[in-house]
Amino acid sequence: MNNELDKIAMGGGCHWCTEAVFQSLAGVTKVEQGYVASVDENSSFSEAVIIHFNPDDISLKTLIEIHLHTHKSTSNHSMRGKYRSAVYSFSEIQKKESECIIKDFQIDFEYKLITKVFPFQFFKPSREAIQNYYQKNPDKPFCKTFIDPKLRLLLQKFSDQVNKTKVAFMATTTV
């Protein structure tokens, strides 16, 4: 496996939500929750996750498609500094591929996608107490209100990508 291409970082909404979505997928081996910074005008930290994945089991295209459908990828709201809609690439090849993927998915959305591809620069992990937030707190009101609907969408639209060992856990927390 090419180490440059076995991870990608994504941000868009709360990192608790993003973490829970990607932890649920087959082919994803690890999700690091925290804050990512890019360069220039995007050098401030924004909530995001680093997704480690096996490209033989899940493609970058599928990861980006799921990302676009599980956060407000067409909404340029006032909190975009904290919740930058982004894919953070680890190589120039990955950056170009991600840009093409996002462009190709525009047809699936009524409004213009605002998700941009930026070079990954820095990562700062979340404090331990809030890592794996959904797995630790599935019954909390935040999880019921914001994460459960994303997981239901994942089961409905991307069920073939869901890690089958986590389906039972998700089914009991999303019904």
C-alpha atoms as a PDB file:
ATOM      1  CA  MET A   1       0.000   0.000   0.000  1.00  0.00           C
ATOM      2  CA  ASN A   2       1.232   3.478  -0.824  1.00  0.00           C
ATOM      3  CA  ASN A   3       1.554   5.331   2.511  1.00  0.00           C
ATOM      4  CA  GLU A   4       0.883   8.695   0.872  1.00  0.00           C
ATOM      5  CA  LEU A   5      -2.494   7.540  -0.365  1.00  0.00           C
ATOM      6  CA  ASP A   6      -3.796   5.576   2.586  1.00  0.00           C
ATOM      7  CA  LYS A   7      -5.040   8.573   4.528  1.00  0.00           C
ATOM      8  CA  ILE A   8      -7.081  11.670   3.817  1.00  0.00           C
ATOM      9  CA  ALA A   9      -8.392  14.376   6.141  1.00  0.00           C
ATOM     10  CA  MET A  10     -11.906  15.808   5.973  1.00  0.00           C
ATOM     11  CA  GLY A  11     -13.826  18.511   7.711  1.00  0.00           C
ATOM     12  CA  GLY A  12     -17.251  19.972   7.287  1.00  0.00           C
ATOM     13  CA  GLY A  13     -19.269  19.860  10.435  1.00  0.00           C
ATOM     14  CA  CYS A  14     -18.646  18.857  13.990  1.00  0.00           C
ATOM     15  CA  HIS A  15     -15.757  16.419  14.222  1.00  0.00           C
ATOM     16  CA  TRP A  16     -17.846  14.186  16.492  1.00  0.00           C
ATOM     17  CA  CYS A  17     -20.261  13.662  13.590  1.00  0.00           C
ATOM     18  CA  THR A  18     -17.545  13.217  10.983  1.00  0.00           C
ATOM     19  CA  GLU A  19     -15.667  10.786  13.218  1.00  0.00           C
ATOM     20  CA  ALA A  20     -18.777   8.623  13.780  1.00  0.00           C
ATOM     21  CA  VAL A  21     -19.572   8.446  10.063  1.00  0.00           C
ATOM     22  CA  PHE A  22     -16.103   7.344   8.998  1.00  0.00           C
ATOM     23  CA  GLN A  23     -15.612   4.953  11.935  1.00  0.00           C
ATOM     24  CA  SER A  24     -18.635   3.070  10.582  1.00  0.00           C
ATOM     25  CA  LEU A  25     -17.131   2.242   7.192  1.00  0.00           C
ATOM     26  CA  ALA A  26     -15.554  -0.946   5.915  1.00  0.00           C
ATOM     27  CA  GLY A  27     -11.992  -0.322   4.799  1.00  0.00           C
ATOM     28  CA  VAL A  28     -11.433   2.495   7.276  1.00  0.00           C
ATOM     29  CA  THR A  29      -8.783   1.333   9.711  1.00  0.00           C
ATOM     30  CA  LYS A  30      -8.504   4.392  11.961  1.00  0.00           C
ATOM     31  CA  VAL A  31     -10.112   7.821  12.402  1.00  0.00           C
ATOM     32  CA  GLU A  32      -8.233  10.564  14.235  1.00  0.00           C
ATOM     33  CA  GLN A  33     -10.494  13.304  15.536  1.00  0.00           C
ATOM     34  CA  GLY A  34      -9.188  16.816  16.017  1.00  0.00           C
ATOM     35  CA  TYR A  35      -8.306  20.014  14.226  1.00  0.00           C
ATOM     36  CA  VAL A  36      -6.613  20.430  10.851  1.00  0.00           C
ATOM     37  CA  ALA A  37      -4.850  23.453   9.416  1.00  0.00           C
ATOM     38  CA  SER A  38      -3.840  24.034   5.835  1.00  0.00           C
ATOM     39  CA  VAL A  39      -1.861  26.941   4.406  1.00  0.00           C
ATOM     40  CA  ASP A  40      -2.350  30.644   3.666  1.00  0.00           C
ATOM     41  CA  GLU A  41      -5.900  31.859   4.387  1.00  0.00           C
ATOM     42  CA  ASN A  42      -6.792  28.352   5.629  1.00  0.00           C
ATOM     43  CA  SER A  43      -3.941  28.089   8.133  1.00  0.00           C
ATOM     44  CA  SER A  44      -6.242  28.370  11.151  1.00  0.00           C
ATOM     45  CA  PHE A  45      -7.347  25.109  12.747  1.00  0.00           C
ATOM     46  CA  SER A  46     -10.790  23.783  11.829  1.00  0.00           C
ATOM     47  CA  GLU A  47     -12.604  20.716  13.163  1.00  0.00           C
ATOM     48  CA  ALA A  48     -11.754  17.663  11.058  1.00  0.00           C
ATOM     49  CA  VAL A  49     -10.685  14.036  11.059  1.00  0.00           C
ATOM     50  CA  ILE A  50      -7.844  12.089   9.496  1.00  0.00           C
ATOM     51  CA  ILE A  51      -9.157   8.910   7.895  1.00  0.00           C
ATOM     52  CA  HIS A  52      -6.765   5.996   7.477  1.00  0.00           C
ATOM     53  CA  PHE A  53      -8.114   3.568   4.897  1.00  0.00           C
ATOM     54  CA  ASN A  54      -7.290   0.594   2.755  1.00  0.00           C
ATOM     55  CA  PRO A  55      -7.860   1.669  -0.879  1.00  0.00           C
ATOM     56  CA  ASP A  56      -8.389  -1.995  -1.817  1.00  0.00           C
ATOM     57  CA  ASP A  57     -11.500  -1.993   0.400  1.00  0.00           C
ATOM     58  CA  ILE A  58     -12.839   1.554   0.005  1.00  0.00           C
ATOM     59  CA  SER A  59     -11.905   4.129  -2.590  1.00  0.00           C
ATOM     60  CA  LEU A  60     -11.075   7.770  -2.147  1.00  0.00           C
ATOM     61  CA  LYS A  61     -14.047   8.480  -4.425  1.00  0.00           C
ATOM     62  CA  THR A  62     -16.408   6.653  -2.059  1.00  0.00           C
ATOM     63  CA  LEU A  63     -14.988   8.399   1.006  1.00  0.00           C
ATOM     64  CA  ILE A  64     -15.472  11.810  -0.625  1.00  0.00           C
ATOM     65  CA  GLU A  65     -18.982  10.922  -1.814  1.00  0.00           C
ATOM     66  CA  ILE A  66     -19.975   9.920   1.718  1.00  0.00           C
ATOM     67  CA  HIS A  67     -18.396  13.083   3.088  1.00  0.00           C
ATOM     68  CA  LEU A  68     -20.325  15.299   0.659  1.00  0.00           C
ATOM     69  CA  HIS A  69     -23.619  13.645   1.640  1.00  0.00           C
ATOM     70  CA  THR A  70     -23.084  13.661   5.422  1.00  0.00           C
ATOM     71  CA  HIS A  71     -22.386  17.331   6.042  1.00  0.00           C
ATOM     72  CA  LYS A  72     -23.709  20.625   4.663  1.00  0.00           C
ATOM     73  CA  SER A  73     -21.405  20.595   1.644  1.00  0.00           C
ATOM     74  CA  THR A  74     -23.465  23.238  -0.177  1.00  0.00           C
ATOM     75  CA  SER A  75     -23.999  25.637   2.733  1.00  0.00           C
ATOM     76  CA  ASN A  76     -21.630  28.557   3.247  1.00  0.00           C
ATOM     77  CA  HIS A  77     -22.838  29.419   6.762  1.00  0.00           C
ATOM     78  CA  SER A  78     -21.297  31.737   9.342  1.00  0.00           C
ATOM     79  CA  MET A  79     -19.478  28.924  11.203  1.00  0.00           C
ATOM     80  CA  ARG A  80     -17.312  27.867   8.234  1.00  0.00           C
ATOM     81  CA  GLY A  81     -14.156  29.060  10.006  1.00  0.00           C
ATOM     82  CA  LYS A  82     -14.700  26.468  12.737  1.00  0.00           C
ATOM     83  CA  TYR A  83     -16.270  23.914  10.369  1.00  0.00           C
ATOM     84  CA  ARG A  84     -14.422  24.325   7.062  1.00  0.00           C
ATOM     85  CA  SER A  85     -15.991  22.176   4.302  1.00  0.00           C
ATOM     86  CA  ALA A  86     -12.804  20.559   3.095  1.00  0.00           C
ATOM     87  CA  VAL A  87     -10.794  17.613   1.932  1.00  0.00           C
ATOM     88  CA  TYR A  88      -7.171  17.876   3.065  1.00  0.00           C
ATOM     89  CA  SER A  89      -4.778  16.073   0.751  1.00  0.00           C
ATOM     90  CA  PHE A  90      -1.445  14.517   1.633  1.00  0.00           C
ATOM     91  CA  SER A  91       0.036  14.693  -1.889  1.00  0.00           C
ATOM     92  CA  GLU A  92      -0.355  16.623  -5.118  1.00  0.00           C
ATOM     93  CA  ILE A  93      -1.732  13.518  -6.848  1.00  0.00           C
ATOM     94  CA  GLN A  94      -4.329  13.064  -4.113  1.00  0.00           C
ATOM     95  CA  LYS A  95      -5.223  16.767  -4.329  1.00  0.00           C
ATOM     96  CA  LYS A  96      -5.892  16.601  -8.073  1.00  0.00           C
ATOM     97  CA  GLU A  97      -7.841  13.358  -7.771  1.00  0.00           C
ATOM     98  CA  SER A  98      -9.974  14.812  -4.947  1.00  0.00           C
ATOM     99  CA  GLU A  99     -10.734  17.962  -6.939  1.00  0.00           C
ATOM    100  CA  CYS A 100     -11.886  15.868  -9.909  1.00  0.00           C
ATOM    101  CA  ILE A 101     -14.033  13.670  -7.680  1.00  0.00           C
ATOM    102  CA  ILE A 102     -15.780  16.674  -6.111  1.00  0.00           C
ATOM    103  CA  LYS A 103     -16.346  18.238  -9.533  1.00  0.00           C
ATOM    104  CA  ASP A 104     -17.861  14.986 -10.841  1.00  0.00           C
ATOM    105  CA  PHE A 105     -20.263  14.743  -7.866  1.00  0.00           C
ATOM    106  CA  GLN A 106     -21.635  18.258  -8.415  1.00  0.00           C
ATOM    107  CA  ILE A 107     -24.316  16.756 -10.650  1.00  0.00           C
ATOM    108  CA  ASP A 108     -25.790  14.942  -7.627  1.00  0.00           C
ATOM    109  CA  PHE A 109     -26.466  18.201  -5.772  1.00  0.00           C
ATOM    110  CA  GLU A 110     -29.069  20.888  -6.426  1.00  0.00           C
ATOM    111  CA  TYR A 111     -26.819  23.663  -5.082  1.00  0.00           C
ATOM    112  CA  LYS A 112     -23.149  24.374  -5.721  1.00  0.00           C
ATOM    113  CA  LEU A 113     -20.734  22.343  -3.629  1.00  0.00           C
ATOM    114  CA  ILE A 114     -18.521  24.587  -1.519  1.00  0.00           C
ATOM    115  CA  THR A 115     -16.199  21.791  -0.395  1.00  0.00           C
ATOM    116  CA  LYS A 116     -12.615  22.640  -1.342  1.00  0.00           C
ATOM    117  CA  VAL A 117      -9.422  20.616  -1.451  1.00  0.00           C
ATOM    118  CA  PHE A 118      -6.532  22.009   0.551  1.00  0.00           C
ATOM    119  CA  PRO A 119      -3.065  20.694   1.297  1.00  0.00           C
ATOM    120  CA  PHE A 120      -2.801  19.119   4.738  1.00  0.00           C
ATOM    121  CA  GLN A 121      -0.370  21.040   6.932  1.00  0.00           C
ATOM    122  CA  PHE A 122      -0.950  20.399  10.650  1.00  0.00           C
ATOM    123  CA  PHE A 123      -3.076  18.231  12.918  1.00  0.00           C
ATOM    124  CA  LYS A 124      -3.924  18.772  16.565  1.00  0.00           C
ATOM    125  CA  PRO A 125      -5.845  15.872  18.176  1.00  0.00           C
ATOM    126  CA  SER A 126      -8.906  16.487  20.291  1.00  0.00           C
ATOM    127  CA  ARG A 127      -8.567  15.910  23.996  1.00  0.00           C
ATOM    128  CA  GLU A 128      -9.007  12.266  24.961  1.00  0.00           C
ATOM    129  CA  ALA A 129     -12.344  12.876  26.730  1.00  0.00           C
ATOM    130  CA  ILE A 130     -14.116  13.735  23.463  1.00  0.00           C
ATOM    131  CA  GLN A 131     -12.416  11.271  21.119  1.00  0.00           C
ATOM    132  CA  ASN A 132     -14.671   8.407  19.979  1.00  0.00           C
ATOM    133  CA  TYR A 133     -17.521  10.594  21.174  1.00  0.00           C
ATOM    134  CA  TYR A 134     -20.387   8.694  19.585  1.00  0.00           C
ATOM    135  CA  GLN A 135     -19.052   5.281  20.596  1.00  0.00           C
ATOM    136  CA  LYS A 136     -18.820   6.479  24.215  1.00  0.00           C
ATOM    137  CA  ASN A 137     -22.077   8.493  24.278  1.00  0.00           C
ATOM    138  CA  PRO A 138     -24.669   7.150  21.785  1.00  0.00           C
ATOM    139  CA  ASP A 139     -27.601   8.090  24.024  1.00  0.00           C
ATOM    140  CA  LYS A 140     -26.580  11.715  24.620  1.00  0.00           C
ATOM    141  CA  PRO A 141     -28.970  14.298  23.122  1.00  0.00           C
ATOM    142  CA  PHE A 142     -26.275  15.625  20.745  1.00  0.00           C
ATOM    143  CA  CYS A 143     -25.760  12.135  19.314  1.00  0.00           C
ATOM    144  CA  LYS A 144     -29.489  11.487  18.951  1.00  0.00           C
ATOM    145  CA  THR A 145     -30.086  14.870  17.302  1.00  0.00           C
ATOM    146  CA  PHE A 146     -27.078  15.253  15.023  1.00  0.00           C
ATOM    147  CA  ILE A 147     -25.182  11.974  14.593  1.00  0.00           C
ATOM    148  CA  ASP A 148     -28.015   9.432  14.420  1.00  0.00           C
ATOM    149  CA  PRO A 149     -29.554  11.036  11.287  1.00  0.00           C
ATOM    150  CA  LYS A 150     -26.160  10.879   9.536  1.00  0.00           C
ATOM    151  CA  LEU A 151     -25.785   7.213  10.444  1.00  0.00           C
ATOM    152  CA  ARG A 152     -29.326   6.464   9.223  1.00  0.00           C
ATOM    153  CA  LEU A 153     -28.418   8.136   5.913  1.00  0.00           C
ATOM    154  CA  LEU A 154     -25.248   6.052   5.794  1.00  0.00           C
ATOM    155  CA  LEU A 155     -27.230   2.841   6.303  1.00  0.00           C
ATOM    156  CA  GLN A 156     -29.819   3.844   3.688  1.00  0.00           C
ATOM    157  CA  LYS A 157     -27.596   5.255   0.963  1.00  0.00           C
ATOM    158  CA  PHE A 158     -24.232   3.541   1.544  1.00  0.00           C
ATOM    159  CA  SER A 159     -25.118   0.272   3.314  1.00  0.00           C
ATOM    160  CA  ASP A 160     -22.677  -1.714   1.172  1.00  0.00           C
ATOM    161  CA  GLN A 161     -19.846   0.440   2.583  1.00  0.00           C
ATOM    162  CA  VAL A 162     -20.772   0.006   6.244  1.00  0.00           C
ATOM    163  CA  ASN A 163     -18.491  -2.166   8.369  1.00  0.00           C
ATOM    164  CA  LYS A 164     -20.690  -5.208   8.998  1.00  0.00           C
ATOM    165  CA  THR A 165     -19.316  -5.698  12.527  1.00  0.00           C
ATOM    166  CA  LYS A 166     -20.651  -2.261  13.449  1.00  0.00           C
ATOM    167  CA  VAL A 167     -24.089  -2.615  11.851  1.00  0.00           C
ATOM    168  CA  ALA A 168     -25.667  -4.159  14.949  1.00  0.00           C
ATOM    169  CA  PHE A 169     -24.303  -1.355  17.152  1.00  0.00           C
ATOM    170  CA  MET A 170     -25.477   1.305  14.712  1.00  0.00           C
ATOM    171  CA  ALA A 171     -28.896  -0.297  14.243  1.00  0.00           C
ATOM    172  CA  THR A 172     -29.569  -0.241  17.986  1.00  0.00           C
ATOM    173  CA  THR A 173     -28.544   3.407  18.282  1.00  0.00           C
ATOM    174  CA  THR A 174     -30.177   4.792  15.135  1.00  0.00           C
ATOM    175  CA  VAL A 175     -33.658   3.288  15.224  1.00  0.00           C
END
